[in-house]
Amino acid sequence: MTKRENLAGALLCSGYPYRQRQHLNAQLDMTRALLAEAEDIRRTGSAALDLAYVAAGRLDGYFETGLKPWDMAAGCLLVREAAGKVCDFAGREGMPASGNLVAGNHFVTAAMVKVISAHATPALLAP
């Protein structure tokens, strides 16, 4: 887990909802807003790998919409065991039933939630 205290210089990662295209515009707005504050955003195509990289400190934060439990369960455990935080787009802690996930250290996650929640639709903020 990184020690970064805000989004300045942060290397984030994400994925895009290929089966939930109705959320694509909102996620692109989130991405644009996060890029205004962070250093860059990467995409590997694997939520499990992205979360493992966050836990290992290779990446500072992660966000994605529409994940299934099997996409995020192991990665969420890794992030928590590395003293990180996982929550939904409204900042509610735990592995979200909505599948809308934010992860990182406590500072980066809080900063990401602030940006993401400002651009999320009501459907993306629902539990």
C-alpha atoms as a PDB file:
ATOM      1  CA  MET A   1       0.000   0.000   0.000  1.00  0.00           C
ATOM      2  CA  THR A   2       1.347   3.421  -0.891  1.00  0.00           C
ATOM      3  CA  LYS A   3       1.708   6.254   1.615  1.00  0.00           C
ATOM      4  CA  ARG A   4       0.350   8.925  -0.759  1.00  0.00           C
ATOM      5  CA  GLU A   5      -1.782  11.496   1.069  1.00  0.00           C
ATOM      6  CA  ASN A   6      -3.804  12.903  -1.856  1.00  0.00           C
ATOM      7  CA  LEU A   7      -4.346  12.533  -5.589  1.00  0.00           C
ATOM      8  CA  ALA A   8      -1.398  14.727  -6.619  1.00  0.00           C
ATOM      9  CA  GLY A   9       1.013  12.411  -8.410  1.00  0.00           C
ATOM     10  CA  ALA A  10      -1.247   9.376  -7.923  1.00  0.00           C
ATOM     11  CA  LEU A  11      -1.241   6.519 -10.405  1.00  0.00           C
ATOM     12  CA  LEU A  12      -4.784   5.149 -10.555  1.00  0.00           C
ATOM     13  CA  CYS A  13      -6.381   2.275 -12.430  1.00  0.00           C
ATOM     14  CA  SER A  14      -9.873   1.473 -13.631  1.00  0.00           C
ATOM     15  CA  GLY A  15     -11.957  -0.668 -15.888  1.00  0.00           C
ATOM     16  CA  TYR A  16     -14.987   0.156 -17.989  1.00  0.00           C
ATOM     17  CA  PRO A  17     -18.426  -1.478 -17.857  1.00  0.00           C
ATOM     18  CA  TYR A  18     -18.735  -3.326 -21.135  1.00  0.00           C
ATOM     19  CA  ARG A  19     -22.079  -4.806 -20.062  1.00  0.00           C
ATOM     20  CA  GLN A  20     -23.398  -1.656 -18.391  1.00  0.00           C
ATOM     21  CA  ARG A  21     -23.025   0.962 -21.109  1.00  0.00           C
ATOM     22  CA  GLN A  22     -25.658   3.124 -19.431  1.00  0.00           C
ATOM     23  CA  HIS A  23     -22.948   4.125 -16.918  1.00  0.00           C
ATOM     24  CA  LEU A  24     -20.223   4.804 -19.470  1.00  0.00           C
ATOM     25  CA  ASN A  25     -20.742   8.582 -19.684  1.00  0.00           C
ATOM     26  CA  ALA A  26     -20.695   8.928 -15.899  1.00  0.00           C
ATOM     27  CA  GLN A  27     -17.525   6.863 -15.643  1.00  0.00           C
ATOM     28  CA  LEU A  28     -15.862   8.904 -18.379  1.00  0.00           C
ATOM     29  CA  ASP A  29     -16.783  12.070 -16.447  1.00  0.00           C
ATOM     30  CA  MET A  30     -15.255  10.541 -13.309  1.00  0.00           C
ATOM     31  CA  THR A  31     -12.126   9.601 -15.242  1.00  0.00           C
ATOM     32  CA  ARG A  32     -11.788  13.103 -16.675  1.00  0.00           C
ATOM     33  CA  ALA A  33     -12.184  14.681 -13.222  1.00  0.00           C
ATOM     34  CA  LEU A  34      -9.704  12.267 -11.620  1.00  0.00           C
ATOM     35  CA  LEU A  35      -7.156  12.917 -14.374  1.00  0.00           C
ATOM     36  CA  ALA A  36      -7.344  16.619 -13.546  1.00  0.00           C
ATOM     37  CA  GLU A  37      -5.975  15.802 -10.063  1.00  0.00           C
ATOM     38  CA  ALA A  38      -4.006  12.550 -10.424  1.00  0.00           C
ATOM     39  CA  GLU A  39      -0.899  11.794 -12.457  1.00  0.00           C
ATOM     40  CA  ASP A  40      -2.417   9.120 -14.714  1.00  0.00           C
ATOM     41  CA  ILE A  41      -4.931   6.286 -15.010  1.00  0.00           C
ATOM     42  CA  ARG A  42      -4.106   2.801 -16.274  1.00  0.00           C
ATOM     43  CA  ARG A  43      -6.321  -0.079 -17.409  1.00  0.00           C
ATOM     44  CA  THR A  44      -5.184  -3.702 -17.247  1.00  0.00           C
ATOM     45  CA  GLY A  45      -8.546  -5.335 -17.875  1.00  0.00           C
ATOM     46  CA  SER A  46      -8.515  -7.330 -14.633  1.00  0.00           C
ATOM     47  CA  ALA A  47     -10.079  -6.073 -11.398  1.00  0.00           C
ATOM     48  CA  ALA A  48      -8.249  -8.752  -9.415  1.00  0.00           C
ATOM     49  CA  LEU A  49      -4.866  -7.703 -10.840  1.00  0.00           C
ATOM     50  CA  ASP A  50      -5.593  -4.000 -10.352  1.00  0.00           C
ATOM     51  CA  LEU A  51      -6.547  -4.551  -6.713  1.00  0.00           C
ATOM     52  CA  ALA A  52      -3.463  -6.719  -6.142  1.00  0.00           C
ATOM     53  CA  TYR A  53      -1.307  -3.902  -7.561  1.00  0.00           C
ATOM     54  CA  VAL A  54      -2.985  -1.414  -5.208  1.00  0.00           C
ATOM     55  CA  ALA A  55      -2.346  -3.714  -2.242  1.00  0.00           C
ATOM     56  CA  ALA A  56       1.293  -4.176  -3.320  1.00  0.00           C
ATOM     57  CA  GLY A  57       1.816  -0.419  -3.689  1.00  0.00           C
ATOM     58  CA  ARG A  58       2.371  -0.474  -7.466  1.00  0.00           C
ATOM     59  CA  LEU A  59      -0.755   1.631  -7.964  1.00  0.00           C
ATOM     60  CA  ASP A  60      -2.264   4.232  -5.634  1.00  0.00           C
ATOM     61  CA  GLY A  61      -5.978   3.679  -6.231  1.00  0.00           C
ATOM     62  CA  TYR A  62      -8.640   1.834  -8.198  1.00  0.00           C
ATOM     63  CA  PHE A  63     -12.246   2.425  -9.230  1.00  0.00           C
ATOM     64  CA  GLU A  64     -14.722   0.598 -11.427  1.00  0.00           C
ATOM     65  CA  THR A  65     -18.457   0.153 -11.952  1.00  0.00           C
ATOM     66  CA  GLY A  66     -20.481  -3.018 -12.318  1.00  0.00           C
ATOM     67  CA  LEU A  67     -18.131  -5.600 -10.838  1.00  0.00           C
ATOM     68  CA  LYS A  68     -19.372  -9.010  -9.756  1.00  0.00           C
ATOM     69  CA  PRO A  69     -18.363 -10.476  -6.374  1.00  0.00           C
ATOM     70  CA  TRP A  70     -15.996 -12.956  -8.050  1.00  0.00           C
ATOM     71  CA  ASP A  71     -14.246 -10.053  -9.807  1.00  0.00           C
ATOM     72  CA  MET A  72     -13.386  -8.235  -6.601  1.00  0.00           C
ATOM     73  CA  ALA A  73     -13.518 -10.561  -3.579  1.00  0.00           C
ATOM     74  CA  ALA A  74      -9.879 -11.693  -3.534  1.00  0.00           C
ATOM     75  CA  GLY A  75      -8.579  -8.247  -4.472  1.00  0.00           C
ATOM     76  CA  CYS A  76     -10.639  -6.563  -1.744  1.00  0.00           C
ATOM     77  CA  LEU A  77      -9.166  -8.961   0.791  1.00  0.00           C
ATOM     78  CA  LEU A  78      -5.642  -8.138  -0.401  1.00  0.00           C
ATOM     79  CA  VAL A  79      -6.284  -4.394  -0.110  1.00  0.00           C
ATOM     80  CA  ARG A  80      -7.745  -4.750   3.397  1.00  0.00           C
ATOM     81  CA  GLU A  81      -4.854  -6.968   4.527  1.00  0.00           C
ATOM     82  CA  ALA A  82      -2.439  -4.298   3.266  1.00  0.00           C
ATOM     83  CA  ALA A  83      -4.202  -1.756   5.550  1.00  0.00           C
ATOM     84  CA  GLY A  84      -6.145  -0.193   2.690  1.00  0.00           C
ATOM     85  CA  LYS A  85      -9.774   0.690   2.258  1.00  0.00           C
ATOM     86  CA  VAL A  86     -12.450  -0.601  -0.113  1.00  0.00           C
ATOM     87  CA  CYS A  87     -15.802   1.132  -0.448  1.00  0.00           C
ATOM     88  CA  ASP A  88     -18.547   2.025  -2.881  1.00  0.00           C
ATOM     89  CA  PHE A  89     -18.883   5.323  -4.762  1.00  0.00           C
ATOM     90  CA  ALA A  90     -20.659   6.930  -1.782  1.00  0.00           C
ATOM     91  CA  GLY A  91     -17.819   5.948   0.589  1.00  0.00           C
ATOM     92  CA  ARG A  92     -19.669   3.117   2.357  1.00  0.00           C
ATOM     93  CA  GLU A  93     -16.998   0.663   3.476  1.00  0.00           C
ATOM     94  CA  GLY A  94     -16.902  -3.000   2.555  1.00  0.00           C
ATOM     95  CA  MET A  95     -17.247  -4.979  -0.626  1.00  0.00           C
ATOM     96  CA  PRO A  96     -20.189  -3.210  -2.286  1.00  0.00           C
ATOM     97  CA  ALA A  97     -23.227  -5.158  -3.415  1.00  0.00           C
ATOM     98  CA  SER A  98     -23.611  -2.531  -6.160  1.00  0.00           C
ATOM     99  CA  GLY A  99     -20.328  -3.648  -7.737  1.00  0.00           C
ATOM    100  CA  ASN A 100     -19.156  -0.025  -7.836  1.00  0.00           C
ATOM    101  CA  LEU A 101     -15.787  -0.108  -6.111  1.00  0.00           C
ATOM    102  CA  VAL A 102     -13.121   2.344  -4.942  1.00  0.00           C
ATOM    103  CA  ALA A 103      -9.903   1.100  -3.305  1.00  0.00           C
ATOM    104  CA  GLY A 104      -6.606   2.478  -2.074  1.00  0.00           C
ATOM    105  CA  ASN A 105      -5.092   3.776   1.117  1.00  0.00           C
ATOM    106  CA  HIS A 106      -7.473   5.762   3.325  1.00  0.00           C
ATOM    107  CA  PHE A 107      -6.346   9.187   2.024  1.00  0.00           C
ATOM    108  CA  VAL A 108      -6.460   8.325  -1.676  1.00  0.00           C
ATOM    109  CA  THR A 109      -9.769   6.488  -1.346  1.00  0.00           C
ATOM    110  CA  ALA A 110     -11.376   9.471   0.396  1.00  0.00           C
ATOM    111  CA  ALA A 111     -10.079  11.832  -2.297  1.00  0.00           C
ATOM    112  CA  MET A 112     -11.309   9.532  -5.064  1.00  0.00           C
ATOM    113  CA  VAL A 113     -14.763   9.176  -3.475  1.00  0.00           C
ATOM    114  CA  LYS A 114     -15.052  12.964  -3.281  1.00  0.00           C
ATOM    115  CA  VAL A 115     -14.370  13.322  -7.008  1.00  0.00           C
ATOM    116  CA  ILE A 116     -16.343  10.243  -8.082  1.00  0.00           C
ATOM    117  CA  SER A 117     -19.456  11.045  -6.040  1.00  0.00           C
ATOM    118  CA  ALA A 118     -19.632  14.490  -7.654  1.00  0.00           C
ATOM    119  CA  HIS A 119     -19.904  12.863 -11.102  1.00  0.00           C
ATOM    120  CA  ALA A 120     -21.838   9.673 -10.314  1.00  0.00           C
ATOM    121  CA  THR A 121     -25.474   9.263 -11.226  1.00  0.00           C
ATOM    122  CA  PRO A 122     -27.939   8.431  -8.430  1.00  0.00           C
ATOM    123  CA  ALA A 123     -27.972   4.814  -9.660  1.00  0.00           C
ATOM    124  CA  LEU A 124     -24.202   4.570  -9.154  1.00  0.00           C
ATOM    125  CA  LEU A 125     -24.452   5.945  -5.601  1.00  0.00           C
ATOM    126  CA  ALA A 126     -27.177   3.509  -4.518  1.00  0.00           C
ATOM    127  CA  PRO A 127     -26.111   0.734  -2.113  1.00  0.00           C
END
